[in-house]
mmCIF file of all heavy atoms, coordinates in Angstrom:
data_MODEL
# 
_entry.id   MODEL 
# 
loop_
_atom_site.group_PDB 
_atom_site.id 
_atom_site.type_symbol 
_atom_site.label_atom_id 
_atom_site.label_alt_id 
_atom_site.label_comp_id 
_atom_site.label_asym_id 
_atom_site.label_entity_id 
_atom_site.label_seq_id 
_atom_site.pdbx_PDB_ins_code 
_atom_site.Cartn_x 
_atom_site.Cartn_y 
_atom_site.Cartn_z 
_atom_site.occupancy 
_atom_site.B_iso_or_equiv 
_atom_site.pdbx_formal_charge 
_atom_site.auth_seq_id 
_atom_site.auth_comp_id 
_atom_site.auth_asym_id 
_atom_site.auth_atom_id 
_atom_site.pdbx_PDB_model_num 
ATOM 1   N N   . VAL A 1 1  ? 0.824   -1.165  -0.121  1.00 0.00 ? 1  VAL A N   1 
ATOM 2   C CA  . VAL A 1 1  ? -0.075  -0.014  -0.060  1.00 0.00 ? 1  VAL A CA  1 
ATOM 3   C C   . VAL A 1 1  ? 0.915   1.217   -0.011  1.00 0.00 ? 1  VAL A C   1 
ATOM 4   O O   . VAL A 1 1  ? 0.445   2.264   -0.664  1.00 0.00 ? 1  VAL A O   1 
ATOM 5   C CB  . VAL A 1 1  ? -0.935  -0.104  1.285   1.00 0.00 ? 1  VAL A CB  1 
ATOM 6   C CG1 . VAL A 1 1  ? -1.742  1.266   1.301   1.00 0.00 ? 1  VAL A CG1 1 
ATOM 7   C CG2 . VAL A 1 1  ? -1.858  -1.194  1.156   1.00 0.00 ? 1  VAL A CG2 1 
ATOM 8   N N   . THR A 1 2  ? 1.919   1.148   0.652   1.00 0.00 ? 2  THR A N   1 
ATOM 9   C CA  . THR A 1 2  ? 2.979   2.263   0.734   1.00 0.00 ? 2  THR A CA  1 
ATOM 10  C C   . THR A 1 2  ? 4.314   1.715   0.380   1.00 0.00 ? 2  THR A C   1 
ATOM 11  O O   . THR A 1 2  ? 4.578   0.581   0.486   1.00 0.00 ? 2  THR A O   1 
ATOM 12  C CB  . THR A 1 2  ? 3.034   2.921   2.163   1.00 0.00 ? 2  THR A CB  1 
ATOM 13  O OG1 . THR A 1 2  ? 3.351   1.828   3.069   1.00 0.00 ? 2  THR A OG1 1 
ATOM 14  C CG2 . THR A 1 2  ? 1.797   3.479   2.531   1.00 0.00 ? 2  THR A CG2 1 
ATOM 15  N N   . PRO A 1 3  ? 5.127   2.557   -0.298  1.00 0.00 ? 3  PRO A N   1 
ATOM 16  C CA  . PRO A 1 3  ? 6.522   2.147   -0.763  1.00 0.00 ? 3  PRO A CA  1 
ATOM 17  C C   . PRO A 1 3  ? 7.294   1.455   0.393   1.00 0.00 ? 3  PRO A C   1 
ATOM 18  O O   . PRO A 1 3  ? 7.425   1.930   1.505   1.00 0.00 ? 3  PRO A O   1 
ATOM 19  C CB  . PRO A 1 3  ? 7.110   3.387   -1.114  1.00 0.00 ? 3  PRO A CB  1 
ATOM 20  C CG  . PRO A 1 3  ? 6.078   4.338   -1.577  1.00 0.00 ? 3  PRO A CG  1 
ATOM 21  C CD  . PRO A 1 3  ? 4.941   3.947   -0.542  1.00 0.00 ? 3  PRO A CD  1 
ATOM 22  N N   . GLY A 1 4  ? 7.798   0.254   0.106   1.00 0.00 ? 4  GLY A N   1 
ATOM 23  C CA  . GLY A 1 4  ? 8.593   -0.485  1.107   1.00 0.00 ? 4  GLY A CA  1 
ATOM 24  C C   . GLY A 1 4  ? 7.810   -1.278  2.044   1.00 0.00 ? 4  GLY A C   1 
ATOM 25  O O   . GLY A 1 4  ? 8.314   -2.044  2.786   1.00 0.00 ? 4  GLY A O   1 
ATOM 26  N N   . GLY A 1 5  ? 6.418   -1.258  1.941   1.00 0.00 ? 5  GLY A N   1 
ATOM 27  C CA  . GLY A 1 5  ? 5.549   -2.095  2.801   1.00 0.00 ? 5  GLY A CA  1 
ATOM 28  C C   . GLY A 1 5  ? 5.487   -3.448  2.466   1.00 0.00 ? 5  GLY A C   1 
ATOM 29  O O   . GLY A 1 5  ? 5.962   -3.969  1.464   1.00 0.00 ? 5  GLY A O   1 
ATOM 30  N N   . GLN A 1 6  ? 4.675   -4.185  3.196   1.00 0.00 ? 6  GLN A N   1 
ATOM 31  C CA  . GLN A 1 6  ? 4.440   -5.664  2.869   1.00 0.00 ? 6  GLN A CA  1 
ATOM 32  C C   . GLN A 1 6  ? 3.743   -5.787  1.524   1.00 0.00 ? 6  GLN A C   1 
ATOM 33  O O   . GLN A 1 6  ? 2.861   -5.056  1.076   1.00 0.00 ? 6  GLN A O   1 
ATOM 34  C CB  . GLN A 1 6  ? 3.520   -6.212  3.945   1.00 0.00 ? 6  GLN A CB  1 
ATOM 35  C CG  . GLN A 1 6  ? 3.057   -7.699  3.756   1.00 0.00 ? 6  GLN A CG  1 
ATOM 36  C CD  . GLN A 1 6  ? 2.035   -8.245  4.707   1.00 0.00 ? 6  GLN A CD  1 
ATOM 37  O OE1 . GLN A 1 6  ? 2.096   -7.796  5.869   1.00 0.00 ? 6  GLN A OE1 1 
ATOM 38  N NE2 . GLN A 1 6  ? 1.263   -9.095  4.236   1.00 0.00 ? 6  GLN A NE2 1 
ATOM 39  N N   . ASN A 1 7  ? 4.263   -6.824  0.726   1.00 0.00 ? 7  ASN A N   1 
ATOM 40  C CA  . ASN A 1 7  ? 3.785   -6.960  -0.530  1.00 0.00 ? 7  ASN A CA  1 
ATOM 41  C C   . ASN A 1 7  ? 2.393   -7.719  -0.543  1.00 0.00 ? 7  ASN A C   1 
ATOM 42  O O   . ASN A 1 7  ? 2.189   -8.792  -1.107  1.00 0.00 ? 7  ASN A O   1 
ATOM 43  C CB  . ASN A 1 7  ? 4.647   -7.844  -1.491  1.00 0.00 ? 7  ASN A CB  1 
ATOM 44  C CG  . ASN A 1 7  ? 5.852   -6.783  -1.924  1.00 0.00 ? 7  ASN A CG  1 
ATOM 45  O OD1 . ASN A 1 7  ? 5.598   -5.693  -2.022  1.00 0.00 ? 7  ASN A OD1 1 
ATOM 46  N ND2 . ASN A 1 7  ? 7.005   -7.428  -2.017  1.00 0.00 ? 7  ASN A ND2 1 
ATOM 47  N N   . GLY A 1 8  ? 1.380   -7.220  0.253   1.00 0.00 ? 8  GLY A N   1 
ATOM 48  C CA  . GLY A 1 8  ? 0.084   -7.787  0.256   1.00 0.00 ? 8  GLY A CA  1 
ATOM 49  C C   . GLY A 1 8  ? -0.023  -9.306  0.513   1.00 0.00 ? 8  GLY A C   1 
ATOM 50  O O   . GLY A 1 8  ? 0.592   -9.776  1.397   1.00 0.00 ? 8  GLY A O   1 
ATOM 51  N N   . LEU A 1 9  ? -0.665  -10.017 -0.441  1.00 0.00 ? 9  LEU A N   1 
ATOM 52  C CA  . LEU A 1 9  ? -0.773  -11.479 -0.309  1.00 0.00 ? 9  LEU A CA  1 
ATOM 53  C C   . LEU A 1 9  ? 0.280   -12.268 -0.948  1.00 0.00 ? 9  LEU A C   1 
ATOM 54  O O   . LEU A 1 9  ? 0.116   -13.504 -1.144  1.00 0.00 ? 9  LEU A O   1 
ATOM 55  C CB  . LEU A 1 9  ? -2.242  -11.820 -0.896  1.00 0.00 ? 9  LEU A CB  1 
ATOM 56  C CG  . LEU A 1 9  ? -3.467  -11.273 -0.172  1.00 0.00 ? 9  LEU A CG  1 
ATOM 57  C CD1 . LEU A 1 9  ? -4.652  -11.551 -0.967  1.00 0.00 ? 9  LEU A CD1 1 
ATOM 58  C CD2 . LEU A 1 9  ? -3.516  -11.756 1.247   1.00 0.00 ? 9  LEU A CD2 1 
ATOM 59  N N   . GLN A 1 10 ? 1.476   -11.619 -1.336  1.00 0.00 ? 10 GLN A N   1 
ATOM 60  C CA  . GLN A 1 10 ? 2.489   -12.333 -2.152  1.00 0.00 ? 10 GLN A CA  1 
ATOM 61  C C   . GLN A 1 10 ? 3.012   -13.534 -1.314  1.00 0.00 ? 10 GLN A C   1 
ATOM 62  O O   . GLN A 1 10 ? 3.030   -14.524 -1.841  1.00 0.00 ? 10 GLN A O   1 
ATOM 63  C CB  . GLN A 1 10 ? 3.505   -11.388 -2.388  1.00 0.00 ? 10 GLN A CB  1 
ATOM 64  C CG  . GLN A 1 10 ? 4.621   -11.968 -3.400  1.00 0.00 ? 10 GLN A CG  1 
ATOM 65  C CD  . GLN A 1 10 ? 5.750   -10.894 -3.626  1.00 0.00 ? 10 GLN A CD  1 
ATOM 66  O OE1 . GLN A 1 10 ? 6.669   -10.919 -2.884  1.00 0.00 ? 10 GLN A OE1 1 
ATOM 67  N NE2 . GLN A 1 10 ? 5.575   -10.092 -4.626  1.00 0.00 ? 10 GLN A NE2 1 
ATOM 68  N N   . THR A 1 11 ? 3.287   -13.342 -0.050  1.00 0.00 ? 11 THR A N   1 
ATOM 69  C CA  . THR A 1 11 ? 3.824   -14.488 0.816   1.00 0.00 ? 11 THR A CA  1 
ATOM 70  C C   . THR A 1 11 ? 2.691   -15.581 1.023   1.00 0.00 ? 11 THR A C   1 
ATOM 71  O O   . THR A 1 11 ? 2.927   -16.750 0.910   1.00 0.00 ? 11 THR A O   1 
ATOM 72  C CB  . THR A 1 11 ? 4.337   -14.027 2.143   1.00 0.00 ? 11 THR A CB  1 
ATOM 73  O OG1 . THR A 1 11 ? 5.430   -13.066 1.979   1.00 0.00 ? 11 THR A OG1 1 
ATOM 74  C CG2 . THR A 1 11 ? 4.699   -15.207 3.047   1.00 0.00 ? 11 THR A CG2 1 
ATOM 75  N N   . PHE A 1 12 ? 1.460   -15.062 1.211   1.00 0.00 ? 12 PHE A N   1 
ATOM 76  C CA  . PHE A 1 12 ? 0.396   -15.993 1.339   1.00 0.00 ? 12 PHE A CA  1 
ATOM 77  C C   . PHE A 1 12 ? 0.259   -16.937 0.213   1.00 0.00 ? 12 PHE A C   1 
ATOM 78  O O   . PHE A 1 12 ? 0.217   -18.174 0.255   1.00 0.00 ? 12 PHE A O   1 
ATOM 79  C CB  . PHE A 1 12 ? -0.915  -15.230 1.590   1.00 0.00 ? 12 PHE A CB  1 
ATOM 80  C CG  . PHE A 1 12 ? -2.172  -16.023 1.324   1.00 0.00 ? 12 PHE A CG  1 
ATOM 81  C CD1 . PHE A 1 12 ? -2.610  -17.023 2.249   1.00 0.00 ? 12 PHE A CD1 1 
ATOM 82  C CD2 . PHE A 1 12 ? -2.779  -15.829 0.100   1.00 0.00 ? 12 PHE A CD2 1 
ATOM 83  C CE1 . PHE A 1 12 ? -3.831  -17.677 1.900   1.00 0.00 ? 12 PHE A CE1 1 
ATOM 84  C CE2 . PHE A 1 12 ? -4.069  -16.615 -0.174  1.00 0.00 ? 12 PHE A CE2 1 
ATOM 85  C CZ  . PHE A 1 12 ? -4.456  -17.592 0.743   1.00 0.00 ? 12 PHE A CZ  1 
ATOM 86  N N   . PHE A 1 13 ? 0.143   -16.427 -1.086  1.00 0.00 ? 13 PHE A N   1 
ATOM 87  C CA  . PHE A 1 13 ? 0.002   -17.254 -2.219  1.00 0.00 ? 13 PHE A CA  1 
ATOM 88  C C   . PHE A 1 13 ? 1.159   -18.285 -2.444  1.00 0.00 ? 13 PHE A C   1 
ATOM 89  O O   . PHE A 1 13 ? 0.998   -19.320 -2.979  1.00 0.00 ? 13 PHE A O   1 
ATOM 90  C CB  . PHE A 1 13 ? -0.282  -16.422 -3.467  1.00 0.00 ? 13 PHE A CB  1 
ATOM 91  C CG  . PHE A 1 13 ? -1.742  -15.955 -3.593  1.00 0.00 ? 13 PHE A CG  1 
ATOM 92  C CD1 . PHE A 1 13 ? -2.105  -14.686 -3.425  1.00 0.00 ? 13 PHE A CD1 1 
ATOM 93  C CD2 . PHE A 1 13 ? -2.666  -16.924 -3.924  1.00 0.00 ? 13 PHE A CD2 1 
ATOM 94  C CE1 . PHE A 1 13 ? -3.412  -14.218 -3.545  1.00 0.00 ? 13 PHE A CE1 1 
ATOM 95  C CE2 . PHE A 1 13 ? -4.075  -16.546 -4.082  1.00 0.00 ? 13 PHE A CE2 1 
ATOM 96  C CZ  . PHE A 1 13 ? -4.354  -15.129 -3.889  1.00 0.00 ? 13 PHE A CZ  1 
ATOM 97  N N   . ALA A 1 14 ? 2.345   -17.811 -2.033  1.00 0.00 ? 14 ALA A N   1 
ATOM 98  C CA  . ALA A 1 14 ? 3.477   -18.615 -2.289  1.00 0.00 ? 14 ALA A CA  1 
ATOM 99  C C   . ALA A 1 14 ? 3.642   -19.713 -1.249  1.00 0.00 ? 14 ALA A C   1 
ATOM 100 O O   . ALA A 1 14 ? 4.436   -20.660 -1.517  1.00 0.00 ? 14 ALA A O   1 
ATOM 101 C CB  . ALA A 1 14 ? 4.790   -17.785 -2.284  1.00 0.00 ? 14 ALA A CB  1 
ATOM 102 N N   . SER A 1 15 ? 2.910   -19.630 -0.145  1.00 0.00 ? 15 SER A N   1 
ATOM 103 C CA  . SER A 1 15 ? 3.313   -20.565 1.001   1.00 0.00 ? 15 SER A CA  1 
ATOM 104 C C   . SER A 1 15 ? 2.570   -21.848 0.944   1.00 0.00 ? 15 SER A C   1 
ATOM 105 O O   . SER A 1 15 ? 3.075   -22.751 1.750   1.00 0.00 ? 15 SER A O   1 
ATOM 106 C CB  . SER A 1 15 ? 2.725   -19.827 2.324   1.00 0.00 ? 15 SER A CB  1 
ATOM 107 O OG  . SER A 1 15 ? 3.483   -18.651 2.432   1.00 0.00 ? 15 SER A OG  1 
ATOM 108 N N   . GLN A 1 16 ? 1.669   -22.107 0.074   1.00 0.00 ? 16 GLN A N   1 
ATOM 109 C CA  . GLN A 1 16 ? 1.146   -23.407 -0.011  1.00 0.00 ? 16 GLN A CA  1 
ATOM 110 C C   . GLN A 1 16 ? 0.195   -23.417 -1.255  1.00 0.00 ? 16 GLN A C   1 
ATOM 111 O O   . GLN A 1 16 ? -0.124  -22.372 -1.843  1.00 0.00 ? 16 GLN A O   1 
ATOM 112 C CB  . GLN A 1 16 ? 0.083   -23.657 1.217   1.00 0.00 ? 16 GLN A CB  1 
ATOM 113 C CG  . GLN A 1 16 ? -1.144  -22.847 1.341   1.00 0.00 ? 16 GLN A CG  1 
ATOM 114 C CD  . GLN A 1 16 ? -0.965  -21.469 1.726   1.00 0.00 ? 16 GLN A CD  1 
ATOM 115 O OE1 . GLN A 1 16 ? -0.196  -21.215 2.795   1.00 0.00 ? 16 GLN A OE1 1 
ATOM 116 N NE2 . GLN A 1 16 ? -1.430  -20.436 1.038   1.00 0.00 ? 16 GLN A NE2 1 
ATOM 117 N N   . GLY A 1 17 ? -0.326  -24.575 -1.577  1.00 0.00 ? 17 GLY A N   1 
ATOM 118 C CA  . GLY A 1 17 ? -1.355  -24.658 -2.793  1.00 0.00 ? 17 GLY A CA  1 
ATOM 119 C C   . GLY A 1 17 ? -2.748  -24.256 -2.228  1.00 0.00 ? 17 GLY A C   1 
ATOM 120 O O   . GLY A 1 17 ? -3.036  -24.309 -1.052  1.00 0.00 ? 17 GLY A O   1 
ATOM 121 N N   . ASN A 1 18 ? -3.463  -23.682 -3.209  1.00 0.00 ? 18 ASN A N   1 
ATOM 122 C CA  . ASN A 1 18 ? -4.816  -23.192 -2.759  1.00 0.00 ? 18 ASN A CA  1 
ATOM 123 C C   . ASN A 1 18 ? -5.947  -23.741 -3.667  1.00 0.00 ? 18 ASN A C   1 
ATOM 124 O O   . ASN A 1 18 ? -5.744  -24.051 -4.881  1.00 0.00 ? 18 ASN A O   1 
ATOM 125 C CB  . ASN A 1 18 ? -4.755  -21.661 -2.990  1.00 0.00 ? 18 ASN A CB  1 
ATOM 126 C CG  . ASN A 1 18 ? -3.605  -20.988 -2.177  1.00 0.00 ? 18 ASN A CG  1 
ATOM 127 O OD1 . ASN A 1 18 ? -3.661  -20.861 -1.009  1.00 0.00 ? 18 ASN A OD1 1 
ATOM 128 N ND2 . ASN A 1 18 ? -2.572  -20.549 -2.885  1.00 0.00 ? 18 ASN A ND2 1 
ATOM 129 N N   . PHE A 1 19 ? -7.032  -23.805 -3.080  1.00 0.00 ? 19 PHE A N   1 
ATOM 130 C CA  . PHE A 1 19 ? -8.321  -24.136 -3.783  1.00 0.00 ? 19 PHE A CA  1 
ATOM 131 C C   . PHE A 1 19 ? -9.233  -22.879 -3.629  1.00 0.00 ? 19 PHE A C   1 
ATOM 132 O O   . PHE A 1 19 ? -9.639  -22.540 -2.496  1.00 0.00 ? 19 PHE A O   1 
ATOM 133 C CB  . PHE A 1 19 ? -8.970  -25.424 -3.170  1.00 0.00 ? 19 PHE A CB  1 
ATOM 134 C CG  . PHE A 1 19 ? -8.214  -26.714 -3.356  1.00 0.00 ? 19 PHE A CG  1 
ATOM 135 C CD1 . PHE A 1 19 ? -7.220  -27.017 -2.317  1.00 0.00 ? 19 PHE A CD1 1 
ATOM 136 C CD2 . PHE A 1 19 ? -8.308  -27.340 -4.509  1.00 0.00 ? 19 PHE A CD2 1 
ATOM 137 C CE1 . PHE A 1 19 ? -6.657  -28.171 -2.426  1.00 0.00 ? 19 PHE A CE1 1 
ATOM 138 C CE2 . PHE A 1 19 ? -7.562  -28.578 -4.677  1.00 0.00 ? 19 PHE A CE2 1 
ATOM 139 C CZ  . PHE A 1 19 ? -6.729  -29.026 -3.747  1.00 0.00 ? 19 PHE A CZ  1 
ATOM 140 N N   . THR A 1 20 ? -9.424  -22.250 -4.723  1.00 0.00 ? 20 THR A N   1 
ATOM 141 C CA  . THR A 1 20 ? -10.063 -20.923 -4.678  1.00 0.00 ? 20 THR A CA  1 
ATOM 142 C C   . THR A 1 20 ? -11.320 -20.876 -5.257  1.00 0.00 ? 20 THR A C   1 
ATOM 143 O O   . THR A 1 20 ? -11.598 -21.437 -6.352  1.00 0.00 ? 20 THR A O   1 
ATOM 144 C CB  . THR A 1 20 ? -9.093  -19.961 -5.359  1.00 0.00 ? 20 THR A CB  1 
ATOM 145 O OG1 . THR A 1 20 ? -7.781  -19.978 -4.747  1.00 0.00 ? 20 THR A OG1 1 
ATOM 146 C CG2 . THR A 1 20 ? -9.536  -18.498 -5.272  1.00 0.00 ? 20 THR A CG2 1 
ATOM 147 N N   . LEU A 1 21 ? -12.316 -20.175 -4.706  1.00 0.00 ? 21 LEU A N   1 
ATOM 148 C CA  . LEU A 1 21 ? -13.709 -20.038 -5.183  1.00 0.00 ? 21 LEU A CA  1 
ATOM 149 C C   . LEU A 1 21 ? -13.975 -18.703 -5.624  1.00 0.00 ? 21 LEU A C   1 
ATOM 150 O O   . LEU A 1 21 ? -13.421 -17.665 -5.191  1.00 0.00 ? 21 LEU A O   1 
ATOM 151 C CB  . LEU A 1 21 ? -14.735 -20.498 -4.045  1.00 0.00 ? 21 LEU A CB  1 
ATOM 152 C CG  . LEU A 1 21 ? -14.519 -21.831 -3.370  1.00 0.00 ? 21 LEU A CG  1 
ATOM 153 C CD1 . LEU A 1 21 ? -15.575 -22.035 -2.278  1.00 0.00 ? 21 LEU A CD1 1 
ATOM 154 C CD2 . LEU A 1 21 ? -14.530 -22.961 -4.463  1.00 0.00 ? 21 LEU A CD2 1 
ATOM 155 N N   . MET A 1 22 ? -14.946 -18.494 -6.473  1.00 0.00 ? 22 MET A N   1 
ATOM 156 C CA  . MET A 1 22 ? -15.372 -17.308 -7.044  1.00 0.00 ? 22 MET A CA  1 
ATOM 157 C C   . MET A 1 22 ? -16.666 -16.908 -6.266  1.00 0.00 ? 22 MET A C   1 
ATOM 158 O O   . MET A 1 22 ? -17.533 -17.636 -5.927  1.00 0.00 ? 22 MET A O   1 
ATOM 159 C CB  . MET A 1 22 ? -15.772 -17.403 -8.488  1.00 0.00 ? 22 MET A CB  1 
ATOM 160 C CG  . MET A 1 22 ? -15.846 -16.049 -9.225  1.00 0.00 ? 22 MET A CG  1 
ATOM 161 S SD  . MET A 1 22 ? -16.166 -16.494 -11.024 1.00 0.00 ? 22 MET A SD  1 
ATOM 162 C CE  . MET A 1 22 ? -15.924 -14.928 -11.718 1.00 0.00 ? 22 MET A CE  1 
ATOM 163 N N   . ASP A 1 23 ? -16.726 -15.541 -5.790  1.00 0.00 ? 23 ASP A N   1 
ATOM 164 C CA  . ASP A 1 23 ? -17.957 -15.133 -5.158  1.00 0.00 ? 23 ASP A CA  1 
ATOM 165 C C   . ASP A 1 23 ? -18.439 -13.766 -5.620  1.00 0.00 ? 23 ASP A C   1 
ATOM 166 O O   . ASP A 1 23 ? -18.074 -13.476 -6.824  1.00 0.00 ? 23 ASP A O   1 
ATOM 167 C CB  . ASP A 1 23 ? -17.557 -15.002 -3.623  1.00 0.00 ? 23 ASP A CB  1 
ATOM 168 C CG  . ASP A 1 23 ? -18.817 -14.982 -2.649  1.00 0.00 ? 23 ASP A CG  1 
ATOM 169 O OD1 . ASP A 1 23 ? -19.893 -15.216 -3.223  1.00 0.00 ? 23 ASP A OD1 1 
ATOM 170 O OD2 . ASP A 1 23 ? -18.602 -14.848 -1.487  1.00 0.00 ? 23 ASP A OD2 1 
ATOM 171 N N   . ASN A 1 24 ? -19.155 -13.043 -4.895  1.00 0.00 ? 24 ASN A N   1 
ATOM 172 C CA  . ASN A 1 24 ? -19.925 -11.834 -5.639  1.00 0.00 ? 24 ASN A CA  1 
ATOM 173 C C   . ASN A 1 24 ? -18.854 -10.765 -5.834  1.00 0.00 ? 24 ASN A C   1 
ATOM 174 O O   . ASN A 1 24 ? -19.143 -10.005 -6.907  1.00 0.00 ? 24 ASN A O   1 
ATOM 175 C CB  . ASN A 1 24 ? -20.967 -11.341 -4.657  1.00 0.00 ? 24 ASN A CB  1 
ATOM 176 C CG  . ASN A 1 24 ? -20.520 -11.060 -3.155  1.00 0.00 ? 24 ASN A CG  1 
ATOM 177 O OD1 . ASN A 1 24 ? -19.752 -11.832 -2.592  1.00 0.00 ? 24 ASN A OD1 1 
ATOM 178 N ND2 . ASN A 1 24 ? -20.825 -9.789  -2.681  1.00 0.00 ? 24 ASN A ND2 1 
ATOM 179 N N   . HIS A 1 25 ? -17.904 -10.502 -5.097  1.00 0.00 ? 25 HIS A N   1 
ATOM 180 C CA  . HIS A 1 25 ? -17.132 -9.371  -5.457  1.00 0.00 ? 25 HIS A CA  1 
ATOM 181 C C   . HIS A 1 25 ? -16.114 -9.524  -6.676  1.00 0.00 ? 25 HIS A C   1 
ATOM 182 O O   . HIS A 1 25 ? -15.777 -8.628  -7.301  1.00 0.00 ? 25 HIS A O   1 
ATOM 183 C CB  . HIS A 1 25 ? -16.144 -8.980  -4.312  1.00 0.00 ? 25 HIS A CB  1 
ATOM 184 C CG  . HIS A 1 25 ? -16.936 -8.350  -3.081  1.00 0.00 ? 25 HIS A CG  1 
ATOM 185 N ND1 . HIS A 1 25 ? -17.481 -7.043  -3.289  1.00 0.00 ? 25 HIS A ND1 1 
ATOM 186 C CD2 . HIS A 1 25 ? -17.425 -8.855  -1.953  1.00 0.00 ? 25 HIS A CD2 1 
ATOM 187 C CE1 . HIS A 1 25 ? -18.194 -6.690  -2.143  1.00 0.00 ? 25 HIS A CE1 1 
ATOM 188 N NE2 . HIS A 1 25 ? -18.153 -7.875  -1.281  1.00 0.00 ? 25 HIS A NE2 1 
ATOM 189 N N   . GLU A 1 26 ? -15.767 -10.730 -7.000  1.00 0.00 ? 26 GLU A N   1 
ATOM 190 C CA  . GLU A 1 26 ? -15.131 -11.001 -8.251  1.00 0.00 ? 26 GLU A CA  1 
ATOM 191 C C   . GLU A 1 26 ? -16.010 -10.535 -9.501  1.00 0.00 ? 26 GLU A C   1 
ATOM 192 O O   . GLU A 1 26 ? -15.519 -10.447 -10.554 1.00 0.00 ? 26 GLU A O   1 
ATOM 193 C CB  . GLU A 1 26 ? -14.759 -12.464 -8.359  1.00 0.00 ? 26 GLU A CB  1 
ATOM 194 C CG  . GLU A 1 26 ? -13.534 -12.939 -7.531  1.00 0.00 ? 26 GLU A CG  1 
ATOM 195 C CD  . GLU A 1 26 ? -13.942 -13.441 -6.096  1.00 0.00 ? 26 GLU A CD  1 
ATOM 196 O OE1 . GLU A 1 26 ? -15.203 -13.182 -5.745  1.00 0.00 ? 26 GLU A OE1 1 
ATOM 197 O OE2 . GLU A 1 26 ? -13.235 -13.974 -5.377  1.00 0.00 ? 26 GLU A OE2 1 
ATOM 198 N N   . LEU A 1 27 ? -17.315 -10.541 -9.139  1.00 0.00 ? 27 LEU A N   1 
ATOM 199 C CA  . LEU A 1 27 ? -18.332 -10.268 -10.181 1.00 0.00 ? 27 LEU A CA  1 
ATOM 200 C C   . LEU A 1 27 ? -18.858 -8.783  -10.084 1.00 0.00 ? 27 LEU A C   1 
ATOM 201 O O   . LEU A 1 27 ? -19.814 -8.437  -10.740 1.00 0.00 ? 27 LEU A O   1 
ATOM 202 C CB  . LEU A 1 27 ? -19.501 -11.241 -10.228 1.00 0.00 ? 27 LEU A CB  1 
ATOM 203 C CG  . LEU A 1 27 ? -19.078 -12.717 -10.514 1.00 0.00 ? 27 LEU A CG  1 
ATOM 204 C CD1 . LEU A 1 27 ? -20.292 -13.597 -10.228 1.00 0.00 ? 27 LEU A CD1 1 
ATOM 205 C CD2 . LEU A 1 27 ? -18.587 -12.898 -12.036 1.00 0.00 ? 27 LEU A CD2 1 
ATOM 206 N N   . GLY A 1 28 ? -18.205 -8.119  -9.290  1.00 0.00 ? 28 GLY A N   1 
ATOM 207 C CA  . GLY A 1 28 ? -18.643 -6.617  -9.138  1.00 0.00 ? 28 GLY A CA  1 
ATOM 208 C C   . GLY A 1 28 ? -19.790 -6.349  -8.187  1.00 0.00 ? 28 GLY A C   1 
ATOM 209 O O   . GLY A 1 28 ? -20.191 -5.210  -8.066  1.00 0.00 ? 28 GLY A O   1 
# 
């Protein structure tokens, strides 16, 4: 969010395999 801050979900996505679902916000 700010320069030099945590890269959001970057570590989260790299840390394990995921099973991901689609919900209402992916559709606006």
